[in-house]
């Protein structure tokens, strides 16, 4: 449930950019495309993490979700100021990219690391 709320917040960011017609420059168009892709990647990552038993991976995803939640609260996403909104959205996008890659690498590592057996 919380994951779907967070995913909708990513959609909100791209929706504001479109509604306010803040996708005029190449940078803004790129950010809008990145946010749309980010939404898809986060959705896939959440599904992958749900199938994991590694608590560390789940904690990392929980921390990422908390950060997204905090940064997308109304008071932290001023929709009346284009420059501030775009800057915050870009910083959040960069943060999500970095953290998502780290979590994906942890998942990949946990899937390929053999489990030691007592012998």
Protein backbone atom coordinates (compact mmCIF):
# COMPACT_ATOMS: atom_id res chain seq x y z
CA UNK A 1 0.00 0.00 0.00
CA UNK A 2 2.69 2.47 1.02
CA UNK A 3 4.71 1.53 -2.05
CA UNK A 4 1.81 2.39 -4.36
CA UNK A 5 1.43 5.76 -2.63
CA UNK A 6 5.10 6.50 -3.21
CA UNK A 7 4.81 5.48 -6.85
CA UNK A 8 1.88 7.84 -7.24
CA UNK A 9 4.03 10.64 -5.81
CA UNK A 10 6.52 10.09 -8.63
CA UNK A 11 3.61 10.36 -11.06
CA UNK A 12 2.57 13.56 -9.29
CA UNK A 13 5.95 15.16 -9.99
CA UNK A 14 5.75 14.44 -13.70
CA UNK A 15 2.10 15.51 -13.73
CA UNK A 16 2.93 18.91 -12.24
CA UNK A 17 5.63 19.47 -14.86
CA UNK A 18 3.12 18.67 -17.61
CA UNK A 19 0.20 20.63 -16.15
CA UNK A 20 2.28 23.72 -15.48
CA UNK A 21 3.80 23.36 -18.96
CA UNK A 22 7.25 23.37 -17.38
CA UNK A 23 8.56 20.99 -20.02
CA UNK A 24 9.77 23.71 -22.37
CA UNK A 25 13.54 23.29 -22.17
CA UNK A 26 15.54 20.20 -23.10
CA UNK A 27 16.52 19.77 -19.45
CA UNK A 28 12.89 19.78 -18.33
CA UNK A 29 11.83 17.37 -21.09
CA UNK A 30 14.66 15.04 -20.07
CA UNK A 31 13.63 15.26 -16.42
CA UNK A 32 10.04 14.46 -17.32
CA UNK A 33 11.16 11.40 -19.29
CA UNK A 34 13.44 10.33 -16.44
CA UNK A 35 10.61 10.62 -13.91
CA UNK A 36 8.35 8.48 -16.08
CA UNK A 37 11.10 5.88 -16.44
CA UNK A 38 11.86 6.16 -12.71
CA UNK A 39 8.26 5.24 -11.94
CA UNK A 40 8.51 2.06 -14.04
CA UNK A 41 11.87 1.10 -12.55
CA UNK A 42 10.70 1.70 -8.97
CA UNK A 43 7.63 -0.40 -9.59
CA UNK A 44 9.80 -3.28 -10.83
CA UNK A 45 12.25 -2.81 -7.94
CA UNK A 46 9.46 -2.93 -5.36
CA UNK A 47 8.26 -6.21 -6.86
CA UNK A 48 11.79 -7.66 -6.79
CA UNK A 49 12.30 -6.62 -3.16
CA UNK A 50 8.99 -8.16 -2.10
CA UNK A 51 10.38 -11.54 -3.19
CA UNK A 52 13.56 -11.11 -1.15
CA UNK A 53 14.21 -12.57 2.26
CA UNK A 54 17.25 -10.35 2.86
CA UNK A 55 16.26 -7.86 5.58
CA UNK A 56 19.05 -5.44 4.61
CA UNK A 57 17.57 -5.05 1.12
CA UNK A 58 14.11 -4.41 2.55
CA UNK A 59 15.50 -1.81 4.97
CA UNK A 60 17.26 -0.03 2.10
CA UNK A 61 14.03 0.08 0.10
CA UNK A 62 12.18 1.32 3.19
CA UNK A 63 14.73 4.11 3.60
CA UNK A 64 14.36 5.08 -0.07
CA UNK A 65 10.58 5.14 0.25
CA UNK A 66 10.81 7.30 3.39
CA UNK A 67 13.08 9.74 1.59
CA UNK A 68 10.72 9.97 -1.40
CA UNK A 69 7.78 10.46 0.96
CA UNK A 70 9.54 13.25 2.84
CA UNK A 71 10.73 15.05 -0.29
CA UNK A 72 7.34 14.93 -2.01
CA UNK A 73 5.28 16.34 0.85
CA UNK A 74 3.43 19.49 -0.14
CA UNK A 75 5.67 21.74 1.93
CA UNK A 76 8.76 20.30 0.20
CA UNK A 77 7.35 20.47 -3.34
CA UNK A 78 6.40 24.09 -3.99
CA UNK A 79 4.40 23.95 -7.21
CA UNK A 80 4.20 27.73 -7.52
CA UNK A 81 7.95 28.16 -8.07
CA UNK A 82 9.15 26.48 -11.25
CA UNK A 83 12.89 26.75 -10.60
CA UNK A 84 12.64 25.35 -7.08
CA UNK A 85 10.26 22.57 -8.11
CA UNK A 86 12.38 21.49 -11.08
CA UNK A 87 15.56 21.60 -8.96
CA UNK A 88 14.00 19.49 -6.19
CA UNK A 89 12.53 17.04 -8.70
CA UNK A 90 15.94 16.66 -10.39
CA UNK A 91 17.72 16.11 -7.07
CA UNK A 92 15.12 13.55 -6.01
CA UNK A 93 15.37 11.81 -9.37
CA UNK A 94 19.18 11.61 -9.03
CA UNK A 95 18.87 10.27 -5.48
CA UNK A 96 16.32 7.64 -6.50
CA UNK A 97 18.52 6.53 -9.39
CA UNK A 98 21.57 6.10 -7.13
CA UNK A 99 19.68 4.30 -4.36
CA UNK A 100 17.71 2.09 -6.77
CA UNK A 101 20.92 0.96 -8.44
CA UNK A 102 22.44 0.10 -5.07
CA UNK A 103 19.36 -1.92 -4.07
CA UNK A 104 19.29 -3.69 -7.44
CA UNK A 105 22.97 -4.58 -7.00
CA UNK A 106 22.24 -5.96 -3.53
CA UNK A 107 19.44 -8.08 -4.97
CA UNK A 108 21.64 -9.35 -7.78
CA UNK A 109 24.40 -10.12 -5.28
CA UNK A 110 22.03 -12.00 -3.00
CA UNK A 111 20.68 -14.02 -5.92
CA UNK A 112 24.14 -15.06 -7.12
CA UNK A 113 25.89 -15.55 -3.79
CA UNK A 114 25.86 -19.21 -2.81
CA UNK A 115 24.56 -20.00 0.63
CA UNK A 116 27.14 -21.71 2.82
CA UNK A 117 25.97 -25.00 4.22
CA UNK A 118 27.17 -26.63 7.42
CA UNK A 119 29.27 -29.58 6.60
